[in-house]
Amino acid sequence: MRNFKILLVGLLLVFPGLAVADASNVPGAATWYFHVDLEQMRSEGAGKGLYDWMVDEVFAELKEDTGVDIEKELDRLTAYSLAGQGPVFLFEGNISQESKDRLMTIIAMEGDLEPSKSSGKSYYRLSGSDEHDRNLDFDGGNIEIQLEALEDESWISMALANKVLVTSSEEQMQALLKNGGNIAGKRSHNGALIVLTAEKTLLQAGMDSAALGGDDDSGWDSNILRHTEQVAFLVAAAANKLAIEAKLVTTEPEMAESLASVVRGLVSLVAFSDDLDDEVIAVLRGIKIKTDGRSLSISLAIDPDVIVAALSD
């Protein structure tokens, strides 16, 4: 359970975003994106239980350790990275002056207090040339999140209303300030990233599988990634259920069929476990697995109480 909390905190701190309602405006040239809409989660019945669990189990601990009240200050965050340019971060919400003061303290310690300006808006440089400068260390060292994606320096701006923007380069910062936090350019994702959409998106992510590539080719997950070109994931509110969808684009149709067979086999094995509740078994048996050429889609609708109960065990 603690590892799951660490993952959630890592996502909230390391993957920020655009000023958009969902990830449909992520540039087509992006290699990965991430978006979470906490405001939508708070207001929707299906997402409220999951949000309340995050408040109790994640946000409360984060507030105690860092003083940042995500429940009151953060509404949306999305992240994306353009090939060869590094990630862009934008936190959107009712960000308090206290939190801004903390950021200025970090800038004073690790950057340049004298602001630069672009399009009439101020921004600052953060150094972070040493690895420890890019780490967040909570709870006496028990939780460590590395911000290595920001390389040796980053740029931060609090000039946009209700937003904190962080970029990997000064050019990115200047372009975003000019366009109010949005990247100018082509939005088409044809042949590029998959961007799944829904009316009430709570969380979504996607990436070019090459962005996940590592040196270690061992393990079944690496074997799957080697035959996958794109991956996307979506959680949305649908009536009183959470709709979850995942989509993979494989290198060839035969691979999509093979992966579909693997997923069906795993679901079948788990569904016959004596340790599972009837509700969970019903969810597993309701999973829909479809292939269409090189694409594999997996979807299910689940009662949010089932997810919260599983997280709380």
C-alpha atoms as a PDB file:
ATOM      1  CA  MET A   1       0.000   0.000   0.000  1.00  0.00           C
ATOM      2  CA  ARG A   2       2.812   2.407   0.812  1.00  0.00           C
ATOM      3  CA  ASN A   3       4.306   1.757  -2.624  1.00  0.00           C
ATOM      4  CA  PHE A   4       0.977   2.698  -4.182  1.00  0.00           C
ATOM      5  CA  LYS A   5       0.956   5.962  -2.214  1.00  0.00           C
ATOM      6  CA  ILE A   6       4.467   6.703  -3.405  1.00  0.00           C
ATOM      7  CA  LEU A   7       3.359   6.113  -6.989  1.00  0.00           C
ATOM      8  CA  LEU A   8       0.436   8.515  -6.628  1.00  0.00           C
ATOM      9  CA  VAL A   9       2.587  11.191  -5.028  1.00  0.00           C
ATOM     10  CA  GLY A  10       5.143  10.722  -7.758  1.00  0.00           C
ATOM     11  CA  LEU A  11       2.533  11.165 -10.456  1.00  0.00           C
ATOM     12  CA  LEU A  12       1.160  14.291  -8.818  1.00  0.00           C
ATOM     13  CA  LEU A  13       4.556  15.896  -8.432  1.00  0.00           C
ATOM     14  CA  VAL A  14       6.456  14.688 -11.458  1.00  0.00           C
ATOM     15  CA  PHE A  15       3.785  14.783 -14.181  1.00  0.00           C
ATOM     16  CA  PRO A  16       2.238  18.255 -14.458  1.00  0.00           C
ATOM     17  CA  GLY A  17       0.346  19.932 -17.297  1.00  0.00           C
ATOM     18  CA  LEU A  18      -1.469  22.157 -19.687  1.00  0.00           C
ATOM     19  CA  ALA A  19      -4.362  24.549 -19.146  1.00  0.00           C
ATOM     20  CA  VAL A  20      -6.843  22.228 -20.873  1.00  0.00           C
ATOM     21  CA  ALA A  21      -9.914  20.242 -19.849  1.00  0.00           C
ATOM     22  CA  ASP A  22      -8.287  17.032 -21.070  1.00  0.00           C
ATOM     23  CA  ALA A  23      -5.275  15.923 -23.046  1.00  0.00           C
ATOM     24  CA  SER A  24      -6.832  16.407 -26.499  1.00  0.00           C
ATOM     25  CA  ASN A  25      -4.705  19.523 -27.080  1.00  0.00           C
ATOM     26  CA  VAL A  26      -1.408  17.821 -26.375  1.00  0.00           C
ATOM     27  CA  PRO A  27       0.891  18.499 -29.361  1.00  0.00           C
ATOM     28  CA  GLY A  28       1.028  15.704 -31.902  1.00  0.00           C
ATOM     29  CA  ALA A  29       4.813  15.608 -31.644  1.00  0.00           C
ATOM     30  CA  ALA A  30       4.727  14.718 -27.934  1.00  0.00           C
ATOM     31  CA  THR A  31       6.414  11.492 -26.874  1.00  0.00           C
ATOM     32  CA  TRP A  32       4.240  11.122 -23.741  1.00  0.00           C
ATOM     33  CA  TYR A  33       1.479  12.918 -21.841  1.00  0.00           C
ATOM     34  CA  PHE A  34      -0.311  12.691 -18.527  1.00  0.00           C
ATOM     35  CA  HIS A  35      -3.429  14.501 -17.284  1.00  0.00           C
ATOM     36  CA  VAL A  36      -5.415  14.340 -14.060  1.00  0.00           C
ATOM     37  CA  ASP A  37      -8.516  16.445 -13.358  1.00  0.00           C
ATOM     38  CA  LEU A  38      -8.931  16.636  -9.589  1.00  0.00           C
ATOM     39  CA  GLU A  39     -11.749  19.176  -9.898  1.00  0.00           C
ATOM     40  CA  GLN A  40     -13.773  16.746 -12.000  1.00  0.00           C
ATOM     41  CA  MET A  41     -12.943  13.991  -9.535  1.00  0.00           C
ATOM     42  CA  ARG A  42     -14.252  16.049  -6.623  1.00  0.00           C
ATOM     43  CA  SER A  43     -17.537  16.865  -8.344  1.00  0.00           C
ATOM     44  CA  GLU A  44     -18.431  13.509  -9.875  1.00  0.00           C
ATOM     45  CA  GLY A  45     -20.126  10.798  -7.839  1.00  0.00           C
ATOM     46  CA  ALA A  46     -18.125   8.013  -9.474  1.00  0.00           C
ATOM     47  CA  GLY A  47     -14.800   9.722  -8.833  1.00  0.00           C
ATOM     48  CA  LYS A  48     -15.613  11.153  -5.414  1.00  0.00           C
ATOM     49  CA  GLY A  49     -14.906   7.972  -3.456  1.00  0.00           C
ATOM     50  CA  LEU A  50     -11.507   7.593  -5.091  1.00  0.00           C
ATOM     51  CA  TYR A  51     -10.773  11.261  -4.487  1.00  0.00           C
ATOM     52  CA  ASP A  52     -11.752  10.999  -0.804  1.00  0.00           C
ATOM     53  CA  TRP A  53      -9.394   8.040  -0.431  1.00  0.00           C
ATOM     54  CA  MET A  54      -6.572  10.090  -1.985  1.00  0.00           C
ATOM     55  CA  VAL A  55      -7.315  12.963   0.432  1.00  0.00           C
ATOM     56  CA  ASP A  56      -7.089  10.657   3.453  1.00  0.00           C
ATOM     57  CA  GLU A  57      -4.230   8.429   2.367  1.00  0.00           C
ATOM     58  CA  VAL A  58      -2.077  10.600   0.093  1.00  0.00           C
ATOM     59  CA  PHE A  59      -2.824  14.319   0.259  1.00  0.00           C
ATOM     60  CA  ALA A  60      -2.959  14.455   4.067  1.00  0.00           C
ATOM     61  CA  GLU A  61       0.475  12.855   4.334  1.00  0.00           C
ATOM     62  CA  LEU A  62       1.850  15.123   1.626  1.00  0.00           C
ATOM     63  CA  LYS A  63       0.486  18.197   3.394  1.00  0.00           C
ATOM     64  CA  GLU A  64       2.052  17.096   6.669  1.00  0.00           C
ATOM     65  CA  ASP A  65       5.434  16.508   5.038  1.00  0.00           C
ATOM     66  CA  THR A  66       5.608  19.472   2.659  1.00  0.00           C
ATOM     67  CA  GLY A  67       2.927  21.958   3.752  1.00  0.00           C
ATOM     68  CA  VAL A  68       1.282  21.833   0.307  1.00  0.00           C
ATOM     69  CA  ASP A  69      -2.512  21.413   0.506  1.00  0.00           C
ATOM     70  CA  ILE A  70      -3.314  19.715  -2.798  1.00  0.00           C
ATOM     71  CA  GLU A  71      -6.984  19.363  -1.838  1.00  0.00           C
ATOM     72  CA  LYS A  72      -7.390  23.148  -1.750  1.00  0.00           C
ATOM     73  CA  GLU A  73      -4.756  24.314  -4.212  1.00  0.00           C
ATOM     74  CA  LEU A  74      -4.640  21.928  -7.177  1.00  0.00           C
ATOM     75  CA  ASP A  75      -7.467  21.429  -9.700  1.00  0.00           C
ATOM     76  CA  ARG A  76      -5.782  20.021 -12.788  1.00  0.00           C
ATOM     77  CA  LEU A  77      -2.412  18.968 -13.973  1.00  0.00           C
ATOM     78  CA  THR A  78      -1.186  17.540 -17.252  1.00  0.00           C
ATOM     79  CA  ALA A  79       2.266  16.713 -18.548  1.00  0.00           C
ATOM     80  CA  TYR A  80       3.784  16.177 -21.931  1.00  0.00           C
ATOM     81  CA  SER A  81       7.234  16.005 -23.435  1.00  0.00           C
ATOM     82  CA  LEU A  82       8.260  16.930 -26.955  1.00  0.00           C
ATOM     83  CA  ALA A  83      10.988  14.840 -28.571  1.00  0.00           C
ATOM     84  CA  GLY A  84      14.396  16.235 -27.741  1.00  0.00           C
ATOM     85  CA  GLN A  85      12.965  19.123 -25.674  1.00  0.00           C
ATOM     86  CA  GLY A  86      12.170  17.596 -22.295  1.00  0.00           C
ATOM     87  CA  PRO A  87       8.957  17.804 -20.246  1.00  0.00           C
ATOM     88  CA  VAL A  88       6.643  20.750 -19.593  1.00  0.00           C
ATOM     89  CA  PHE A  89       4.857  21.149 -16.245  1.00  0.00           C
ATOM     90  CA  LEU A  90       1.849  23.290 -15.382  1.00  0.00           C
ATOM     91  CA  PHE A  91       0.006  23.113 -12.055  1.00  0.00           C
ATOM     92  CA  GLU A  92      -3.444  24.698 -12.255  1.00  0.00           C
ATOM     93  CA  GLY A  93      -5.646  25.693  -9.316  1.00  0.00           C
ATOM     94  CA  ASN A  94      -6.147  28.128  -6.487  1.00  0.00           C
ATOM     95  CA  ILE A  95      -2.452  28.239  -5.631  1.00  0.00           C
ATOM     96  CA  SER A  96      -1.905  30.067  -2.346  1.00  0.00           C
ATOM     97  CA  GLN A  97       0.539  32.866  -1.720  1.00  0.00           C
ATOM     98  CA  GLU A  98       2.135  30.652   0.915  1.00  0.00           C
ATOM     99  CA  SER A  99       2.945  28.029  -1.707  1.00  0.00           C
ATOM    100  CA  LYS A 100       4.255  30.708  -4.063  1.00  0.00           C
ATOM    101  CA  ASP A 101       6.462  32.006  -1.256  1.00  0.00           C
ATOM    102  CA  ARG A 102       7.889  28.502  -0.809  1.00  0.00           C
ATOM    103  CA  LEU A 103       8.669  28.368  -4.527  1.00  0.00           C
ATOM    104  CA  MET A 104      10.432  31.721  -4.300  1.00  0.00           C
ATOM    105  CA  THR A 105      12.482  30.340  -1.408  1.00  0.00           C
ATOM    106  CA  ILE A 106      13.543  27.394  -3.586  1.00  0.00           C
ATOM    107  CA  ILE A 107      14.416  29.820  -6.388  1.00  0.00           C
ATOM    108  CA  ALA A 108      16.482  31.907  -3.963  1.00  0.00           C
ATOM    109  CA  MET A 109      18.385  28.799  -2.839  1.00  0.00           C
ATOM    110  CA  GLU A 110      18.809  27.030  -6.184  1.00  0.00           C
ATOM    111  CA  GLY A 111      18.313  29.603  -8.910  1.00  0.00           C
ATOM    112  CA  ASP A 112      18.288  33.240  -9.892  1.00  0.00           C
ATOM    113  CA  LEU A 113      16.070  35.675  -7.970  1.00  0.00           C
ATOM    114  CA  GLU A 114      16.270  38.260 -10.723  1.00  0.00           C
ATOM    115  CA  PRO A 115      13.374  37.476 -13.085  1.00  0.00           C
ATOM    116  CA  SER A 116      13.555  37.308 -16.839  1.00  0.00           C
ATOM    117  CA  LYS A 117      10.567  38.459 -18.891  1.00  0.00           C
ATOM    118  CA  SER A 118       8.801  37.225 -21.997  1.00  0.00           C
ATOM    119  CA  SER A 119       5.526  38.565 -23.422  1.00  0.00           C
ATOM    120  CA  GLY A 120       5.392  40.831 -20.375  1.00  0.00           C
ATOM    121  CA  LYS A 121       5.440  37.900 -17.939  1.00  0.00           C
ATOM    122  CA  SER A 122       8.152  37.024 -15.419  1.00  0.00           C
ATOM    123  CA  TYR A 123       9.934  33.705 -15.085  1.00  0.00           C
ATOM    124  CA  TYR A 124      12.929  32.402 -13.137  1.00  0.00           C
ATOM    125  CA  ARG A 125      15.803  29.989 -13.649  1.00  0.00           C
ATOM    126  CA  LEU A 126      16.411  27.009 -11.364  1.00  0.00           C
ATOM    127  CA  SER A 127      19.808  25.338 -11.446  1.00  0.00           C
ATOM    128  CA  GLY A 128      19.886  21.813 -10.005  1.00  0.00           C
ATOM    129  CA  SER A 129      23.187  20.777 -11.522  1.00  0.00           C
ATOM    130  CA  ASP A 130      23.673  18.154  -8.804  1.00  0.00           C
ATOM    131  CA  GLU A 131      21.379  15.122  -8.640  1.00  0.00           C
ATOM    132  CA  HIS A 132      20.306  15.824  -5.050  1.00  0.00           C
ATOM    133  CA  ASP A 133      19.007  19.204  -6.166  1.00  0.00           C
ATOM    134  CA  ARG A 134      16.344  17.408  -8.180  1.00  0.00           C
ATOM    135  CA  ASN A 135      15.161  15.079  -5.430  1.00  0.00           C
ATOM    136  CA  LEU A 136      12.200  15.519  -3.106  1.00  0.00           C
ATOM    137  CA  ASP A 137      12.830  13.678   0.151  1.00  0.00           C
ATOM    138  CA  PHE A 138       9.824  13.121   2.435  1.00  0.00           C
ATOM    139  CA  ASP A 139       9.364  11.485   5.814  1.00  0.00           C
ATOM    140  CA  GLY A 140      12.994  11.300   6.847  1.00  0.00           C
ATOM    141  CA  GLY A 141      14.104   9.734   3.577  1.00  0.00           C
ATOM    142  CA  ASN A 142      11.473   6.989   3.322  1.00  0.00           C
ATOM    143  CA  ILE A 143       9.991   8.511   0.182  1.00  0.00           C
ATOM    144  CA  GLU A 144      12.328   9.781  -2.509  1.00  0.00           C
ATOM    145  CA  ILE A 145      11.140  11.115  -5.851  1.00  0.00           C
ATOM    146  CA  GLN A 146      13.754  11.976  -8.438  1.00  0.00           C
ATOM    147  CA  LEU A 147      13.121  14.814 -10.854  1.00  0.00           C
ATOM    148  CA  GLU A 148      15.884  13.795 -13.221  1.00  0.00           C
ATOM    149  CA  ALA A 149      13.722  14.567 -16.269  1.00  0.00           C
ATOM    150  CA  LEU A 150      14.455  18.263 -15.761  1.00  0.00           C
ATOM    151  CA  GLU A 151      18.133  17.696 -16.564  1.00  0.00           C
ATOM    152  CA  ASP A 152      20.570  20.332 -15.265  1.00  0.00           C
ATOM    153  CA  GLU A 153      18.274  23.346 -15.150  1.00  0.00           C
ATOM    154  CA  SER A 154      14.640  24.321 -15.398  1.00  0.00           C
ATOM    155  CA  TRP A 155      12.508  27.431 -15.694  1.00  0.00           C
ATOM    156  CA  ILE A 156       9.553  28.363 -13.534  1.00  0.00           C
ATOM    157  CA  SER A 157       6.822  31.001 -13.815  1.00  0.00           C
ATOM    158  CA  MET A 158       3.924  32.003 -11.589  1.00  0.00           C
ATOM    159  CA  ALA A 159       2.846  34.836 -13.912  1.00  0.00           C
ATOM    160  CA  LEU A 160      -0.180  33.059 -15.425  1.00  0.00           C
ATOM    161  CA  ALA A 161      -3.351  33.357 -13.347  1.00  0.00           C
ATOM    162  CA  ASN A 162      -3.882  30.296 -11.104  1.00  0.00           C
ATOM    163  CA  LYS A 163      -1.014  28.403 -12.723  1.00  0.00           C
ATOM    164  CA  VAL A 164       2.561  27.434 -11.983  1.00  0.00           C
ATOM    165  CA  LEU A 165       4.506  26.576 -15.105  1.00  0.00           C
ATOM    166  CA  VAL A 166       7.790  24.642 -15.164  1.00  0.00           C
ATOM    167  CA  THR A 167       9.761  23.849 -18.317  1.00  0.00           C
ATOM    168  CA  SER A 168      13.001  22.146 -19.238  1.00  0.00           C
ATOM    169  CA  SER A 169      14.255  24.998 -21.417  1.00  0.00           C
ATOM    170  CA  GLU A 170      13.971  28.762 -21.642  1.00  0.00           C
ATOM    171  CA  GLU A 171      12.642  28.494 -25.206  1.00  0.00           C
ATOM    172  CA  GLN A 172       9.752  26.314 -24.006  1.00  0.00           C
ATOM    173  CA  MET A 173       8.950  28.821 -21.262  1.00  0.00           C
ATOM    174  CA  GLN A 174       8.922  31.762 -23.645  1.00  0.00           C
ATOM    175  CA  ALA A 175       6.669  29.950 -26.127  1.00  0.00           C
ATOM    176  CA  LEU A 176       4.214  28.912 -23.401  1.00  0.00           C
ATOM    177  CA  LEU A 177       4.023  32.380 -21.851  1.00  0.00           C
ATOM    178  CA  LYS A 178       3.339  33.820 -25.292  1.00  0.00           C
ATOM    179  CA  ASN A 179       0.407  31.426 -25.751  1.00  0.00           C
ATOM    180  CA  GLY A 180      -1.080  31.561 -22.256  1.00  0.00           C
ATOM    181  CA  GLY A 181       0.271  28.162 -21.238  1.00  0.00           C
ATOM    182  CA  ASN A 182      -0.537  26.371 -24.484  1.00  0.00           C
ATOM    183  CA  ILE A 183       1.940  25.054 -27.033  1.00  0.00           C
ATOM    184  CA  ALA A 184       1.463  26.552 -30.490  1.00  0.00           C
ATOM    185  CA  GLY A 185       1.459  24.190 -33.446  1.00  0.00           C
ATOM    186  CA  LYS A 186      -0.164  21.104 -34.881  1.00  0.00           C
ATOM    187  CA  ARG A 187      -2.551  19.190 -32.596  1.00  0.00           C
ATOM    188  CA  SER A 188      -3.123  16.198 -34.880  1.00  0.00           C
ATOM    189  CA  HIS A 189      -2.202  12.825 -33.401  1.00  0.00           C
ATOM    190  CA  ASN A 190      -2.694  10.799 -36.570  1.00  0.00           C
ATOM    191  CA  GLY A 191       0.128   8.287 -36.633  1.00  0.00           C
ATOM    192  CA  ALA A 192       1.542   9.767 -33.422  1.00  0.00           C
ATOM    193  CA  LEU A 193       0.251   9.455 -29.867  1.00  0.00           C
ATOM    194  CA  ILE A 194      -3.082   7.872 -28.996  1.00  0.00           C
ATOM    195  CA  VAL A 195      -5.290  10.307 -27.090  1.00  0.00           C
ATOM    196  CA  LEU A 196      -8.381   8.609 -25.681  1.00  0.00           C
ATOM    197  CA  THR A 197     -11.299  10.919 -24.915  1.00  0.00           C
ATOM    198  CA  ALA A 198     -14.389  10.841 -22.728  1.00  0.00           C
ATOM    199  CA  GLU A 199     -17.007  13.348 -21.624  1.00  0.00           C
ATOM    200  CA  LYS A 200     -15.889  13.322 -17.978  1.00  0.00           C
ATOM    201  CA  THR A 201     -12.219  12.428 -17.976  1.00  0.00           C
ATOM    202  CA  LEU A 202     -10.605  11.956 -14.575  1.00  0.00           C
ATOM    203  CA  LEU A 203      -7.187  10.660 -15.537  1.00  0.00           C
ATOM    204  CA  GLN A 204      -5.445   9.810 -18.781  1.00  0.00           C
ATOM    205  CA  ALA A 205      -1.973   9.065 -20.059  1.00  0.00           C
ATOM    206  CA  GLY A 206      -0.257   7.908 -23.196  1.00  0.00           C
ATOM    207  CA  MET A 207       3.151   7.482 -24.700  1.00  0.00           C
ATOM    208  CA  ASP A 208       5.272   6.317 -27.544  1.00  0.00           C
ATOM    209  CA  SER A 209       6.522   2.971 -26.273  1.00  0.00           C
ATOM    210  CA  ALA A 210      10.079   3.918 -27.264  1.00  0.00           C
ATOM    211  CA  ALA A 211       9.936   6.452 -24.415  1.00  0.00           C
ATOM    212  CA  LEU A 212       9.652   3.495 -22.023  1.00  0.00           C
ATOM    213  CA  GLY A 213      12.599   1.681 -23.475  1.00  0.00           C
ATOM    214  CA  GLY A 214      15.361   0.671 -21.097  1.00  0.00           C
ATOM    215  CA  ASP A 215      18.565  -1.306 -21.093  1.00  0.00           C
ATOM    216  CA  ASP A 216      17.009  -4.301 -19.362  1.00  0.00           C
ATOM    217  CA  ASP A 217      15.242  -6.555 -21.858  1.00  0.00           C
ATOM    218  CA  SER A 218      14.334  -9.193 -19.283  1.00  0.00           C
ATOM    219  CA  GLY A 219      10.817  -9.839 -18.072  1.00  0.00           C
ATOM    220  CA  TRP A 220       7.486 -10.281 -19.798  1.00  0.00           C
ATOM    221  CA  ASP A 221       6.714  -6.535 -19.604  1.00  0.00           C
ATOM    222  CA  SER A 222       9.820  -5.666 -21.620  1.00  0.00           C
ATOM    223  CA  ASN A 223       8.914  -8.374 -24.109  1.00  0.00           C
ATOM    224  CA  ILE A 224       5.484  -6.798 -24.589  1.00  0.00           C
ATOM    225  CA  LEU A 225       6.889  -3.265 -24.927  1.00  0.00           C
ATOM    226  CA  ARG A 226       9.313  -4.477 -27.578  1.00  0.00           C
ATOM    227  CA  HIS A 227       6.299  -5.332 -29.749  1.00  0.00           C
ATOM    228  CA  THR A 228       4.234  -2.248 -28.857  1.00  0.00           C
ATOM    229  CA  GLU A 229       4.473   1.163 -30.527  1.00  0.00           C
ATOM    230  CA  GLN A 230       1.949   3.209 -28.558  1.00  0.00           C
ATOM    231  CA  VAL A 231       0.088   2.929 -25.258  1.00  0.00           C
ATOM    232  CA  ALA A 232      -2.823   4.950 -23.856  1.00  0.00           C
ATOM    233  CA  PHE A 233      -4.870   4.776 -20.656  1.00  0.00           C
ATOM    234  CA  LEU A 234      -8.057   6.538 -19.558  1.00  0.00           C
ATOM    235  CA  VAL A 235     -10.238   6.670 -16.424  1.00  0.00           C
ATOM    236  CA  ALA A 236     -13.549   8.519 -16.737  1.00  0.00           C
ATOM    237  CA  ALA A 237     -16.786   8.934 -14.817  1.00  0.00           C
ATOM    238  CA  ALA A 238     -19.696   7.154 -16.515  1.00  0.00           C
ATOM    239  CA  ALA A 239     -23.007   7.204 -14.635  1.00  0.00           C
ATOM    240  CA  ASN A 240     -22.200   5.700 -11.220  1.00  0.00           C
ATOM    241  CA  LYS A 241     -19.211   3.682 -12.465  1.00  0.00           C
ATOM    242  CA  LEU A 242     -15.588   4.323 -13.297  1.00  0.00           C
ATOM    243  CA  ALA A 243     -14.934   3.539 -16.948  1.00  0.00           C
ATOM    244  CA  ILE A 244     -11.375   2.317 -17.498  1.00  0.00           C
ATOM    245  CA  GLU A 245      -9.889   1.899 -20.954  1.00  0.00           C
ATOM    246  CA  ALA A 246      -6.439   0.932 -22.185  1.00  0.00           C
ATOM    247  CA  LYS A 247      -5.279   0.785 -25.791  1.00  0.00           C
ATOM    248  CA  LEU A 248      -2.085  -0.554 -27.314  1.00  0.00           C
ATOM    249  CA  VAL A 249      -0.889  -0.289 -30.901  1.00  0.00           C
ATOM    250  CA  THR A 250       1.379  -3.205 -31.702  1.00  0.00           C
ATOM    251  CA  THR A 251       3.954  -3.719 -34.423  1.00  0.00           C
ATOM    252  CA  GLU A 252       1.744  -6.143 -36.351  1.00  0.00           C
ATOM    253  CA  PRO A 253      -1.816  -7.576 -36.218  1.00  0.00           C
ATOM    254  CA  GLU A 254      -0.598 -10.997 -35.098  1.00  0.00           C
ATOM    255  CA  MET A 255       0.989  -9.425 -32.034  1.00  0.00           C
ATOM    256  CA  ALA A 256      -2.286  -7.699 -31.122  1.00  0.00           C
ATOM    257  CA  GLU A 257      -4.049 -11.062 -31.254  1.00  0.00           C
ATOM    258  CA  SER A 258      -1.290 -12.692 -29.185  1.00  0.00           C
ATOM    259  CA  LEU A 259      -1.499  -9.997 -26.494  1.00  0.00           C
ATOM    260  CA  ALA A 260      -5.297 -10.278 -26.436  1.00  0.00           C
ATOM    261  CA  SER A 261      -4.894 -14.001 -25.790  1.00  0.00           C
ATOM    262  CA  VAL A 262      -2.433 -13.295 -22.969  1.00  0.00           C
ATOM    263  CA  VAL A 263      -4.830 -10.819 -21.324  1.00  0.00           C
ATOM    264  CA  ARG A 264      -7.771 -13.214 -21.612  1.00  0.00           C
ATOM    265  CA  GLY A 265      -5.650 -15.945 -20.056  1.00  0.00           C
ATOM    266  CA  LEU A 266      -4.597 -13.740 -17.139  1.00  0.00           C
ATOM    267  CA  VAL A 267      -8.174 -12.603 -16.505  1.00  0.00           C
ATOM    268  CA  SER A 268      -9.390 -16.188 -16.581  1.00  0.00           C
ATOM    269  CA  LEU A 269      -6.739 -17.343 -14.120  1.00  0.00           C
ATOM    270  CA  VAL A 270      -7.438 -14.523 -11.665  1.00  0.00           C
ATOM    271  CA  ALA A 271     -11.219 -14.804 -11.969  1.00  0.00           C
ATOM    272  CA  PHE A 272     -11.130 -18.388 -10.707  1.00  0.00           C
ATOM    273  CA  SER A 273      -9.183 -17.512  -7.575  1.00  0.00           C
ATOM    274  CA  ASP A 274     -10.900 -18.512  -4.338  1.00  0.00           C
ATOM    275  CA  ASP A 275      -9.508 -15.425  -2.608  1.00  0.00           C
ATOM    276  CA  LEU A 276     -11.583 -12.909  -4.584  1.00  0.00           C
ATOM    277  CA  ASP A 277     -14.948 -11.421  -3.659  1.00  0.00           C
ATOM    278  CA  ASP A 278     -17.915 -12.002  -5.950  1.00  0.00           C
ATOM    279  CA  GLU A 279     -17.933  -8.296  -6.902  1.00  0.00           C
ATOM    280  CA  VAL A 280     -14.326  -8.418  -8.082  1.00  0.00           C
ATOM    281  CA  ILE A 281     -14.930 -11.616 -10.023  1.00  0.00           C
ATOM    282  CA  ALA A 282     -17.937  -9.987 -11.714  1.00  0.00           C
ATOM    283  CA  VAL A 283     -15.755  -7.022 -12.708  1.00  0.00           C
ATOM    284  CA  LEU A 284     -13.077  -9.292 -14.157  1.00  0.00           C
ATOM    285  CA  ARG A 285     -15.617 -11.263 -16.161  1.00  0.00           C
ATOM    286  CA  GLY A 286     -17.012  -7.980 -17.489  1.00  0.00           C
ATOM    287  CA  ILE A 287     -13.694  -6.927 -19.045  1.00  0.00           C
ATOM    288  CA  LYS A 288     -14.003  -6.363 -22.801  1.00  0.00           C
ATOM    289  CA  ILE A 289     -11.007  -7.225 -24.981  1.00  0.00           C
ATOM    290  CA  LYS A 290     -11.047  -6.247 -28.660  1.00  0.00           C
ATOM    291  CA  THR A 291      -8.541  -6.230 -31.484  1.00  0.00           C
ATOM    292  CA  ASP A 292      -8.682  -4.173 -34.659  1.00  0.00           C
ATOM    293  CA  GLY A 293      -5.708  -4.666 -36.929  1.00  0.00           C
ATOM    294  CA  ARG A 294      -2.649  -3.709 -34.884  1.00  0.00           C
ATOM    295  CA  SER A 295      -4.725  -2.254 -32.020  1.00  0.00           C
ATOM    296  CA  LEU A 296      -5.711  -3.952 -28.786  1.00  0.00           C
ATOM    297  CA  SER A 297      -8.355  -2.336 -26.559  1.00  0.00           C
ATOM    298  CA  ILE A 298      -9.213  -3.364 -23.011  1.00  0.00           C
ATOM    299  CA  SER A 299     -12.145  -1.757 -21.195  1.00  0.00           C
ATOM    300  CA  LEU A 300     -14.251  -2.266 -18.109  1.00  0.00           C
ATOM    301  CA  ALA A 301     -16.749  -0.441 -15.910  1.00  0.00           C
ATOM    302  CA  ILE A 302     -16.215  -0.790 -12.182  1.00  0.00           C
ATOM    303  CA  ASP A 303     -17.987   0.340  -9.039  1.00  0.00           C
ATOM    304  CA  PRO A 304     -15.685   2.919  -7.386  1.00  0.00           C
ATOM    305  CA  ASP A 305     -16.368   1.324  -3.994  1.00  0.00           C
ATOM    306  CA  VAL A 306     -14.653  -1.841  -5.210  1.00  0.00           C
ATOM    307  CA  ILE A 307     -11.496   0.124  -6.074  1.00  0.00           C
ATOM    308  CA  VAL A 308     -11.534   2.032  -2.781  1.00  0.00           C
ATOM    309  CA  ALA A 309     -12.032  -1.206  -0.830  1.00  0.00           C
ATOM    310  CA  ALA A 310      -9.108  -2.827  -2.649  1.00  0.00           C
ATOM    311  CA  LEU A 311      -6.888   0.201  -1.974  1.00  0.00           C
ATOM    312  CA  SER A 312      -7.863   0.255   1.682  1.00  0.00           C
ATOM    313  CA  ASP A 313      -7.032  -3.424   2.342  1.00  0.00           C
END
